[in-house]
Amino acid sequence: MDESRLREWYRPRGLLPVGAGTVVTADSVLAETGDRLMRDTGLDCLPAPDC
């Protein structure tokens, strides 16, 4: 998807209904954001894949 297509659907603070999403701000720390998403989705409780 190119930049012009992204601009078509982007809405500043275009939030999902209450409780359906998480806002990740530009100043979020990558590792902390990843950890938060893993906890919020329950993926932190799954065993690591055997790659």
N, C-alpha and C. Protein backbone atom coordinates (compact mmCIF):
# COMPACT_ATOMS: atom_id res chain seq x y z
N MET A 1 0.86 -1.16 0.00
CA MET A 1 0.00 0.00 0.00
C MET A 1 0.90 1.23 0.00
N ASP A 2 0.62 2.16 -0.88
CA ASP A 2 1.47 3.34 -0.96
C ASP A 2 0.91 4.47 -0.08
N GLU A 3 1.70 5.53 0.04
CA GLU A 3 1.34 6.63 0.94
C GLU A 3 -0.01 7.26 0.61
N SER A 4 -0.30 7.44 -0.66
CA SER A 4 -1.57 8.08 -1.03
C SER A 4 -2.76 7.23 -0.59
N ARG A 5 -2.64 5.92 -0.68
CA ARG A 5 -3.73 5.03 -0.22
C ARG A 5 -3.89 5.10 1.29
N LEU A 6 -2.78 5.18 2.01
CA LEU A 6 -2.86 5.29 3.47
C LEU A 6 -3.55 6.58 3.86
N ARG A 7 -3.25 7.65 3.16
CA ARG A 7 -3.87 8.95 3.47
C ARG A 7 -5.38 8.92 3.25
N GLU A 8 -5.86 8.09 2.34
CA GLU A 8 -7.30 8.01 2.07
C GLU A 8 -8.09 7.51 3.27
N TRP A 9 -7.55 6.54 3.99
CA TRP A 9 -8.33 5.96 5.10
C TRP A 9 -7.90 6.45 6.46
N TYR A 10 -6.74 7.10 6.57
CA TYR A 10 -6.26 7.54 7.87
C TYR A 10 -7.14 8.64 8.46
N ARG A 11 -7.49 8.49 9.73
CA ARG A 11 -8.23 9.50 10.48
C ARG A 11 -7.52 9.71 11.80
N PRO A 12 -7.05 10.93 12.09
CA PRO A 12 -6.38 11.17 13.37
C PRO A 12 -7.30 10.75 14.52
N ARG A 13 -6.73 10.03 15.46
CA ARG A 13 -7.49 9.54 16.62
C ARG A 13 -8.74 8.78 16.19
N GLY A 14 -8.66 8.06 15.09
CA GLY A 14 -9.79 7.26 14.61
C GLY A 14 -9.91 6.00 15.44
N LEU A 15 -10.44 6.15 16.64
CA LEU A 15 -10.48 5.05 17.60
C LEU A 15 -11.60 4.06 17.30
N LEU A 16 -11.38 2.83 17.70
CA LEU A 16 -12.40 1.79 17.63
C LEU A 16 -13.38 1.99 18.77
N PRO A 17 -14.52 1.30 18.77
CA PRO A 17 -15.45 1.41 19.89
C PRO A 17 -14.76 1.13 21.23
N VAL A 18 -15.30 1.66 22.29
CA VAL A 18 -14.70 1.53 23.62
C VAL A 18 -14.30 0.09 23.92
N GLY A 19 -13.06 -0.08 24.34
CA GLY A 19 -12.56 -1.39 24.72
C GLY A 19 -12.10 -2.26 23.57
N ALA A 20 -12.21 -1.78 22.34
CA ALA A 20 -11.88 -2.62 21.19
C ALA A 20 -10.48 -2.34 20.64
N GLY A 21 -9.75 -1.41 21.23
CA GLY A 21 -8.45 -1.10 20.68
C GLY A 21 -7.51 -0.50 21.71
N THR A 22 -6.26 -0.38 21.31
CA THR A 22 -5.23 0.21 22.16
C THR A 22 -4.53 1.28 21.36
N VAL A 23 -4.38 2.46 21.95
CA VAL A 23 -3.66 3.54 21.29
C VAL A 23 -2.18 3.38 21.59
N VAL A 24 -1.38 3.33 20.54
CA VAL A 24 0.08 3.28 20.68
C VAL A 24 0.59 4.62 20.18
N THR A 25 1.11 5.40 21.09
CA THR A 25 1.55 6.75 20.74
C THR A 25 2.95 6.73 20.13
N ALA A 26 3.31 7.83 19.49
CA ALA A 26 4.61 7.93 18.81
C ALA A 26 5.78 7.82 19.78
N ASP A 27 5.57 8.15 21.05
CA ASP A 27 6.66 8.09 22.02
C ASP A 27 6.72 6.74 22.75
N SER A 28 5.94 5.77 22.31
CA SER A 28 5.96 4.44 22.93
C SER A 28 7.30 3.76 22.68
N VAL A 29 7.77 3.06 23.70
CA VAL A 29 9.01 2.28 23.59
C VAL A 29 8.65 0.93 22.99
N LEU A 30 9.37 0.53 21.96
CA LEU A 30 9.04 -0.69 21.22
C LEU A 30 8.90 -1.91 22.12
N ALA A 31 9.90 -2.18 22.95
CA ALA A 31 9.86 -3.38 23.79
C ALA A 31 8.67 -3.36 24.74
N GLU A 32 8.39 -2.20 25.35
CA GLU A 32 7.26 -2.10 26.27
C GLU A 32 5.93 -2.25 25.53
N THR A 33 5.84 -1.69 24.34
CA THR A 33 4.63 -1.82 23.54
C THR A 33 4.40 -3.27 23.15
N GLY A 34 5.46 -3.95 22.73
CA GLY A 34 5.34 -5.37 22.38
C GLY A 34 4.90 -6.20 23.57
N ASP A 35 5.50 -5.94 24.73
CA ASP A 35 5.12 -6.68 25.95
C ASP A 35 3.66 -6.43 26.30
N ARG A 36 3.23 -5.18 26.19
CA ARG A 36 1.83 -4.82 26.50
C ARG A 36 0.87 -5.54 25.57
N LEU A 37 1.18 -5.55 24.28
CA LEU A 37 0.31 -6.22 23.32
C LEU A 37 0.27 -7.73 23.56
N MET A 38 1.40 -8.31 23.90
CA MET A 38 1.43 -9.74 24.20
C MET A 38 0.55 -10.05 25.41
N ARG A 39 0.65 -9.23 26.46
CA ARG A 39 -0.19 -9.43 27.66
C ARG A 39 -1.66 -9.23 27.34
N ASP A 40 -1.97 -8.13 26.65
CA ASP A 40 -3.37 -7.80 26.37
C ASP A 40 -4.07 -8.85 25.52
N THR A 41 -3.33 -9.53 24.66
CA THR A 41 -3.92 -10.54 23.78
C THR A 41 -3.81 -11.96 24.34
N GLY A 42 -3.08 -12.11 25.45
CA GLY A 42 -2.91 -13.43 26.04
C GLY A 42 -1.82 -14.26 25.38
N LEU A 43 -1.11 -13.68 24.43
CA LEU A 43 -0.06 -14.42 23.75
C LEU A 43 1.16 -14.66 24.62
N ASP A 44 1.29 -13.90 25.71
CA ASP A 44 2.42 -14.09 26.60
C ASP A 44 2.33 -15.41 27.37
N CYS A 45 1.17 -16.05 27.36
CA CYS A 45 0.98 -17.31 28.08
C CYS A 45 1.20 -18.54 27.20
N LEU A 46 1.41 -18.31 25.92
CA LEU A 46 1.62 -19.43 25.00
C LEU A 46 3.08 -19.84 24.97
N PRO A 47 3.35 -21.12 24.73
CA PRO A 47 4.75 -21.55 24.62
C PRO A 47 5.40 -20.95 23.39
N ALA A 48 6.69 -20.72 23.47
CA ALA A 48 7.44 -20.19 22.33
C ALA A 48 7.44 -21.25 21.22
N PRO A 49 7.36 -20.83 19.95
CA PRO A 49 7.39 -21.80 18.86
C PRO A 49 8.76 -22.45 18.76
N ASP A 50 8.77 -23.67 18.33
CA ASP A 50 10.02 -24.42 18.16
C ASP A 50 10.48 -24.23 16.72
N CYS A 51 11.30 -23.23 16.49
CA CYS A 51 11.74 -22.91 15.12
C CYS A 51 13.06 -23.55 14.80
